[in-house]
């Protein structure tokens, strides 16, 4: 008589793969100073243009003043953004360093392309006065698109959403004449930056 032993096969329980945490930048970029500076530039610079232009201007301001106010605010915001990105870069490693450098270079490329486009367009049409309309709206479009890229790379929905808003209102403002165009940029653009400054504080507290 032969005996056969049947050894039950062990249960093949699949081992779950370890969860992979989504990649986030080594250091979150604090955009509050940048948002506040750009918001003031929109309110003071574009606001001065809105008040001093049109058939019946509300204020009689020198032509250079709105541009100076806008330029000062944008310069302060650019410096703030550069310093914030540099602080994040010091703690970055590996691919994050390359990404940061590429995003920084995108600002230079974007505004260089805008300068060439506006200069070429106004020269070819023989309408240099268009620059006063194309620069405010074009710069808002470029900044908005750059915010879209930065928000996607940094996984920052607030930054991304602000970019969407700036890109849309800046181009939609071209449908209007002056001074309505500047009112849109002042209220919709400056207001968005003010709201983003508040929401950025909440975002950073939630990540702490």
C-alpha atoms as a PDB file:
ATOM      1  CA  UNK A   1       0.000   0.000   0.000  1.00  0.00           C
ATOM      2  CA  UNK A   2       1.418   3.375  -0.963  1.00  0.00           C
ATOM      3  CA  UNK A   3       0.786   6.464   1.019  1.00  0.00           C
ATOM      4  CA  UNK A   4       0.589   9.821  -0.701  1.00  0.00           C
ATOM      5  CA  UNK A   5       1.038  12.950   1.268  1.00  0.00           C
ATOM      6  CA  UNK A   6      -0.631  16.062  -0.027  1.00  0.00           C
ATOM      7  CA  UNK A   7       1.004  19.211   1.219  1.00  0.00           C
ATOM      8  CA  UNK A   8      -1.287  22.204   0.861  1.00  0.00           C
ATOM      9  CA  UNK A   9       0.212  25.063  -1.066  1.00  0.00           C
ATOM     10  CA  UNK A  10       0.719  28.177   0.982  1.00  0.00           C
ATOM     11  CA  UNK A  11      -1.688  30.990   0.345  1.00  0.00           C
ATOM     12  CA  UNK A  12      -0.112  33.394  -2.089  1.00  0.00           C
ATOM     13  CA  UNK A  13      -0.953  36.694  -0.480  1.00  0.00           C
ATOM     14  CA  UNK A  14       0.226  39.563  -2.643  1.00  0.00           C
ATOM     15  CA  UNK A  15       2.505  41.979  -0.877  1.00  0.00           C
ATOM     16  CA  UNK A  16       1.289  45.513  -1.425  1.00  0.00           C
ATOM     17  CA  UNK A  17       3.765  47.847  -3.029  1.00  0.00           C
ATOM     18  CA  UNK A  18       5.032  50.550  -0.710  1.00  0.00           C
ATOM     19  CA  UNK A  19       3.196  53.811  -1.062  1.00  0.00           C
ATOM     20  CA  UNK A  20       5.229  56.452  -2.805  1.00  0.00           C
ATOM     21  CA  UNK A  21       4.703  59.913  -1.452  1.00  0.00           C
ATOM     22  CA  UNK A  22       4.187  62.533  -4.147  1.00  0.00           C
ATOM     23  CA  UNK A  23       7.292  64.535  -4.801  1.00  0.00           C
ATOM     24  CA  UNK A  24       7.280  68.011  -3.360  1.00  0.00           C
ATOM     25  CA  UNK A  25       9.997  70.640  -3.485  1.00  0.00           C
ATOM     26  CA  UNK A  26      12.540  70.465  -0.686  1.00  0.00           C
ATOM     27  CA  UNK A  27      11.476  73.922   0.512  1.00  0.00           C
ATOM     28  CA  UNK A  28       8.188  75.634  -0.224  1.00  0.00           C
ATOM     29  CA  UNK A  29       8.527  79.038  -1.877  1.00  0.00           C
ATOM     30  CA  UNK A  30       6.932  81.816   0.177  1.00  0.00           C
ATOM     31  CA  UNK A  31       5.192  84.039  -2.376  1.00  0.00           C
ATOM     32  CA  UNK A  32       3.590  86.528   0.014  1.00  0.00           C
ATOM     33  CA  UNK A  33       6.059  89.380  -0.523  1.00  0.00           C
ATOM     34  CA  UNK A  34       5.939  88.845  -4.288  1.00  0.00           C
ATOM     35  CA  UNK A  35       2.139  88.824  -4.389  1.00  0.00           C
ATOM     36  CA  UNK A  36       1.927  91.949  -2.223  1.00  0.00           C
ATOM     37  CA  UNK A  37       4.466  93.845  -4.357  1.00  0.00           C
ATOM     38  CA  UNK A  38       2.830  92.895  -7.638  1.00  0.00           C
ATOM     39  CA  UNK A  39      -0.593  93.705  -6.183  1.00  0.00           C
ATOM     40  CA  UNK A  40       0.533  97.206  -5.200  1.00  0.00           C
ATOM     41  CA  UNK A  41       2.052  97.654  -8.661  1.00  0.00           C
ATOM     42  CA  UNK A  42      -1.284  96.774 -10.257  1.00  0.00           C
ATOM     43  CA  UNK A  43      -3.343  98.977  -7.943  1.00  0.00           C
ATOM     44  CA  UNK A  44      -1.047 102.029  -8.006  1.00  0.00           C
ATOM     45  CA  UNK A  45       0.338 101.768 -11.539  1.00  0.00           C
ATOM     46  CA  UNK A  46      -2.720 100.641 -13.475  1.00  0.00           C
ATOM     47  CA  UNK A  47      -4.962 102.583 -11.113  1.00  0.00           C
ATOM     48  CA  UNK A  48      -3.110 105.806 -11.918  1.00  0.00           C
ATOM     49  CA  UNK A  49      -3.494 105.069 -15.633  1.00  0.00           C
ATOM     50  CA  UNK A  50      -7.216 104.404 -15.197  1.00  0.00           C
ATOM     51  CA  UNK A  51      -7.727 107.703 -13.351  1.00  0.00           C
ATOM     52  CA  UNK A  52      -5.676 109.846 -15.712  1.00  0.00           C
ATOM     53  CA  UNK A  53      -6.675 108.520 -19.142  1.00  0.00           C
ATOM     54  CA  UNK A  54      -9.799 108.671 -21.290  1.00  0.00           C
ATOM     55  CA  UNK A  55     -11.933 111.476 -22.667  1.00  0.00           C
ATOM     56  CA  UNK A  56     -12.725 112.830 -19.193  1.00  0.00           C
ATOM     57  CA  UNK A  57      -9.859 111.845 -16.856  1.00  0.00           C
ATOM     58  CA  UNK A  58     -10.581 111.990 -13.148  1.00  0.00           C
ATOM     59  CA  UNK A  59      -7.064 113.153 -12.288  1.00  0.00           C
ATOM     60  CA  UNK A  60      -4.471 115.193 -14.128  1.00  0.00           C
ATOM     61  CA  UNK A  61      -1.292 113.206 -13.583  1.00  0.00           C
ATOM     62  CA  UNK A  62       2.068 113.436 -15.355  1.00  0.00           C
ATOM     63  CA  UNK A  63       2.385 110.807 -18.067  1.00  0.00           C
ATOM     64  CA  UNK A  64       5.450 109.250 -16.475  1.00  0.00           C
ATOM     65  CA  UNK A  65       3.888 108.679 -13.041  1.00  0.00           C
ATOM     66  CA  UNK A  66       1.728 105.581 -13.760  1.00  0.00           C
ATOM     67  CA  UNK A  67       4.644 103.909 -15.512  1.00  0.00           C
ATOM     68  CA  UNK A  68       7.001 104.739 -12.648  1.00  0.00           C
ATOM     69  CA  UNK A  69       4.578 103.371 -10.040  1.00  0.00           C
ATOM     70  CA  UNK A  70       4.017 100.210 -12.024  1.00  0.00           C
ATOM     71  CA  UNK A  71       7.719  99.720 -12.701  1.00  0.00           C
ATOM     72  CA  UNK A  72       8.692 100.223  -9.055  1.00  0.00           C
ATOM     73  CA  UNK A  73       6.148  97.683  -7.856  1.00  0.00           C
ATOM     74  CA  UNK A  74       7.073  95.121 -10.481  1.00  0.00           C
ATOM     75  CA  UNK A  75      10.771  95.566  -9.732  1.00  0.00           C
ATOM     76  CA  UNK A  76      10.169  95.023  -6.010  1.00  0.00           C
ATOM     77  CA  UNK A  77       8.076  91.947  -6.767  1.00  0.00           C
ATOM     78  CA  UNK A  78      10.713  90.538  -9.089  1.00  0.00           C
ATOM     79  CA  UNK A  79      13.413  90.974  -6.445  1.00  0.00           C
ATOM     80  CA  UNK A  80      11.188  89.296  -3.844  1.00  0.00           C
ATOM     81  CA  UNK A  81      10.468  86.386  -6.178  1.00  0.00           C
ATOM     82  CA  UNK A  82      14.163  85.978  -6.969  1.00  0.00           C
ATOM     83  CA  UNK A  83      15.154  85.944  -3.295  1.00  0.00           C
ATOM     84  CA  UNK A  84      12.399  83.466  -2.392  1.00  0.00           C
ATOM     85  CA  UNK A  85      13.420  81.145  -5.218  1.00  0.00           C
ATOM     86  CA  UNK A  86      17.089  81.434  -4.210  1.00  0.00           C
ATOM     87  CA  UNK A  87      16.267  80.407  -0.636  1.00  0.00           C
ATOM     88  CA  UNK A  88      14.432  77.356  -1.941  1.00  0.00           C
ATOM     89  CA  UNK A  89      17.304  76.540  -4.284  1.00  0.00           C
ATOM     90  CA  UNK A  90      19.822  76.413  -1.423  1.00  0.00           C
ATOM     91  CA  UNK A  91      17.913  73.510   0.117  1.00  0.00           C
ATOM     92  CA  UNK A  92      17.119  71.805  -3.204  1.00  0.00           C
ATOM     93  CA  UNK A  93      18.835  68.657  -4.392  1.00  0.00           C
ATOM     94  CA  UNK A  94      19.110  66.730  -7.638  1.00  0.00           C
ATOM     95  CA  UNK A  95      16.418  67.471 -10.235  1.00  0.00           C
ATOM     96  CA  UNK A  96      14.932  70.312  -8.166  1.00  0.00           C
ATOM     97  CA  UNK A  97      18.032  72.414  -8.823  1.00  0.00           C
ATOM     98  CA  UNK A  98      17.701  72.045 -12.590  1.00  0.00           C
ATOM     99  CA  UNK A  99      13.967  72.737 -12.466  1.00  0.00           C
ATOM    100  CA  UNK A 100      14.536  75.922 -10.461  1.00  0.00           C
ATOM    101  CA  UNK A 101      17.130  77.188 -12.913  1.00  0.00           C
ATOM    102  CA  UNK A 102      14.901  76.463 -15.897  1.00  0.00           C
ATOM    103  CA  UNK A 103      11.943  78.237 -14.316  1.00  0.00           C
ATOM    104  CA  UNK A 104      14.125  81.248 -13.536  1.00  0.00           C
ATOM    105  CA  UNK A 105      15.381  81.392 -17.111  1.00  0.00           C
ATOM    106  CA  UNK A 106      11.788  81.200 -18.365  1.00  0.00           C
ATOM    107  CA  UNK A 107      11.094  84.669 -16.936  1.00  0.00           C
ATOM    108  CA  UNK A 108      13.953  86.151 -18.953  1.00  0.00           C
ATOM    109  CA  UNK A 109      12.921  84.329 -22.128  1.00  0.00           C
ATOM    110  CA  UNK A 110       9.252  85.248 -21.701  1.00  0.00           C
ATOM    111  CA  UNK A 111       9.806  88.978 -21.310  1.00  0.00           C
ATOM    112  CA  UNK A 112      12.493  89.067 -24.019  1.00  0.00           C
ATOM    113  CA  UNK A 113       9.999  87.451 -26.403  1.00  0.00           C
ATOM    114  CA  UNK A 114       7.310  89.929 -25.319  1.00  0.00           C
ATOM    115  CA  UNK A 115       9.657  92.860 -25.967  1.00  0.00           C
ATOM    116  CA  UNK A 116      10.449  91.586 -29.459  1.00  0.00           C
ATOM    117  CA  UNK A 117       6.784  90.920 -30.243  1.00  0.00           C
ATOM    118  CA  UNK A 118       5.542  94.334 -29.121  1.00  0.00           C
ATOM    119  CA  UNK A 119       8.420  96.238 -30.705  1.00  0.00           C
ATOM    120  CA  UNK A 120       8.077  94.385 -33.990  1.00  0.00           C
ATOM    121  CA  UNK A 121       4.292  94.719 -34.087  1.00  0.00           C
ATOM    122  CA  UNK A 122       4.185  98.434 -33.336  1.00  0.00           C
ATOM    123  CA  UNK A 123       6.999  99.170 -35.795  1.00  0.00           C
ATOM    124  CA  UNK A 124       5.470  97.155 -38.620  1.00  0.00           C
ATOM    125  CA  UNK A 125       2.077  98.795 -38.118  1.00  0.00           C
ATOM    126  CA  UNK A 126       3.574 102.240 -37.584  1.00  0.00           C
ATOM    127  CA  UNK A 127       1.558 102.625 -34.371  1.00  0.00           C
ATOM    128  CA  UNK A 128       3.966 103.183 -31.472  1.00  0.00           C
ATOM    129  CA  UNK A 129       1.063 104.256 -29.257  1.00  0.00           C
ATOM    130  CA  UNK A 130      -0.059 100.629 -29.074  1.00  0.00           C
ATOM    131  CA  UNK A 131       2.771  99.948 -26.642  1.00  0.00           C
ATOM    132  CA  UNK A 132       0.837 101.673 -23.861  1.00  0.00           C
ATOM    133  CA  UNK A 133      -1.876  99.007 -24.254  1.00  0.00           C
ATOM    134  CA  UNK A 134       0.170  95.971 -25.235  1.00  0.00           C
ATOM    135  CA  UNK A 135       2.735  96.185 -22.438  1.00  0.00           C
ATOM    136  CA  UNK A 136       0.277  96.074 -19.514  1.00  0.00           C
ATOM    137  CA  UNK A 137      -1.814  93.291 -21.048  1.00  0.00           C
ATOM    138  CA  UNK A 138       1.111  91.395 -22.542  1.00  0.00           C
ATOM    139  CA  UNK A 139       3.082  91.387 -19.302  1.00  0.00           C
ATOM    140  CA  UNK A 140       0.012  90.102 -17.455  1.00  0.00           C
ATOM    141  CA  UNK A 141      -0.288  87.285 -19.990  1.00  0.00           C
ATOM    142  CA  UNK A 142       3.383  86.323 -19.700  1.00  0.00           C
ATOM    143  CA  UNK A 143       3.306  86.394 -15.889  1.00  0.00           C
ATOM    144  CA  UNK A 144       0.119  84.336 -15.891  1.00  0.00           C
ATOM    145  CA  UNK A 145       1.603  81.668 -18.143  1.00  0.00           C
ATOM    146  CA  UNK A 146       4.775  81.530 -16.044  1.00  0.00           C
ATOM    147  CA  UNK A 147       2.670  81.116 -12.909  1.00  0.00           C
ATOM    148  CA  UNK A 148       0.893  78.221 -14.642  1.00  0.00           C
ATOM    149  CA  UNK A 149       4.222  76.476 -15.234  1.00  0.00           C
ATOM    150  CA  UNK A 150       5.543  77.181 -11.730  1.00  0.00           C
ATOM    151  CA  UNK A 151       2.309  76.098 -10.084  1.00  0.00           C
ATOM    152  CA  UNK A 152       2.273  72.815 -11.994  1.00  0.00           C
ATOM    153  CA  UNK A 153       5.928  72.025 -11.224  1.00  0.00           C
ATOM    154  CA  UNK A 154       5.669  72.975  -7.546  1.00  0.00           C
ATOM    155  CA  UNK A 155       2.233  71.372  -7.124  1.00  0.00           C
ATOM    156  CA  UNK A 156       0.857  74.670  -5.888  1.00  0.00           C
ATOM    157  CA  UNK A 157      -2.822  75.062  -6.899  1.00  0.00           C
ATOM    158  CA  UNK A 158      -2.962  78.638  -5.569  1.00  0.00           C
ATOM    159  CA  UNK A 159      -0.056  79.770  -7.767  1.00  0.00           C
ATOM    160  CA  UNK A 160      -1.538  77.903 -10.727  1.00  0.00           C
ATOM    161  CA  UNK A 161      -4.997  79.400 -10.203  1.00  0.00           C
ATOM    162  CA  UNK A 162      -3.580  82.920  -9.964  1.00  0.00           C
ATOM    163  CA  UNK A 163      -1.786  82.308 -13.258  1.00  0.00           C
ATOM    164  CA  UNK A 164      -5.026  81.208 -14.919  1.00  0.00           C
ATOM    165  CA  UNK A 165      -6.803  84.339 -13.703  1.00  0.00           C
ATOM    166  CA  UNK A 166      -4.044  86.758 -14.745  1.00  0.00           C
ATOM    167  CA  UNK A 167      -3.719  85.224 -18.213  1.00  0.00           C
ATOM    168  CA  UNK A 168      -7.463  85.421 -18.845  1.00  0.00           C
ATOM    169  CA  UNK A 169      -8.191  88.910 -17.525  1.00  0.00           C
ATOM    170  CA  UNK A 170      -5.112  90.400 -19.207  1.00  0.00           C
ATOM    171  CA  UNK A 171      -6.141  89.150 -22.630  1.00  0.00           C
ATOM    172  CA  UNK A 172      -9.852  89.849 -22.060  1.00  0.00           C
ATOM    173  CA  UNK A 173      -8.976  93.458 -21.191  1.00  0.00           C
ATOM    174  CA  UNK A 174      -7.820  93.931 -24.801  1.00  0.00           C
ATOM    175  CA  UNK A 175     -11.484  93.794 -25.813  1.00  0.00           C
ATOM    176  CA  UNK A 176     -11.994  97.088 -23.991  1.00  0.00           C
ATOM    177  CA  UNK A 177     -10.662 100.534 -24.713  1.00  0.00           C
ATOM    178  CA  UNK A 178      -8.923 102.865 -22.334  1.00  0.00           C
ATOM    179  CA  UNK A 179      -9.420 103.613 -19.506  1.00  0.00           C
ATOM    180  CA  UNK A 180     -11.668 100.539 -19.015  1.00  0.00           C
ATOM    181  CA  UNK A 181      -8.717  98.268 -19.780  1.00  0.00           C
ATOM    182  CA  UNK A 182      -6.762  99.719 -16.876  1.00  0.00           C
ATOM    183  CA  UNK A 183      -9.732  99.442 -14.523  1.00  0.00           C
ATOM    184  CA  UNK A 184      -9.923  95.707 -15.253  1.00  0.00           C
ATOM    185  CA  UNK A 185      -6.225  95.269 -14.535  1.00  0.00           C
ATOM    186  CA  UNK A 186      -6.459  97.382 -11.383  1.00  0.00           C
ATOM    187  CA  UNK A 187      -9.500  95.758  -9.820  1.00  0.00           C
ATOM    188  CA  UNK A 188      -9.399  92.205 -11.155  1.00  0.00           C
ATOM    189  CA  UNK A 189      -5.599  91.921 -11.184  1.00  0.00           C
ATOM    190  CA  UNK A 190      -4.796  93.839  -8.012  1.00  0.00           C
ATOM    191  CA  UNK A 191      -7.690  92.208  -6.184  1.00  0.00           C
ATOM    192  CA  UNK A 192      -6.504  88.738  -7.200  1.00  0.00           C
ATOM    193  CA  UNK A 193      -3.029  89.450  -5.850  1.00  0.00           C
ATOM    194  CA  UNK A 194      -4.482  90.707  -2.558  1.00  0.00           C
ATOM    195  CA  UNK A 195      -6.582  87.563  -2.178  1.00  0.00           C
ATOM    196  CA  UNK A 196      -3.625  85.363  -3.127  1.00  0.00           C
ATOM    197  CA  UNK A 197      -1.496  87.020  -0.420  1.00  0.00           C
ATOM    198  CA  UNK A 198      -4.042  86.043   2.252  1.00  0.00           C
ATOM    199  CA  UNK A 199      -4.490  82.520   0.896  1.00  0.00           C
ATOM    200  CA  UNK A 200      -0.722  82.029   0.665  1.00  0.00           C
ATOM    201  CA  UNK A 201      -0.427  82.602   4.420  1.00  0.00           C
ATOM    202  CA  UNK A 202      -3.035  79.905   5.021  1.00  0.00           C
ATOM    203  CA  UNK A 203      -1.325  77.526   2.616  1.00  0.00           C
ATOM    204  CA  UNK A 204       2.043  77.883   4.350  1.00  0.00           C
ATOM    205  CA  UNK A 205       0.461  77.384   7.799  1.00  0.00           C
ATOM    206  CA  UNK A 206      -1.199  74.192   6.581  1.00  0.00           C
ATOM    207  CA  UNK A 207       2.141  72.828   5.358  1.00  0.00           C
ATOM    208  CA  UNK A 208       4.032  73.719   8.538  1.00  0.00           C
END
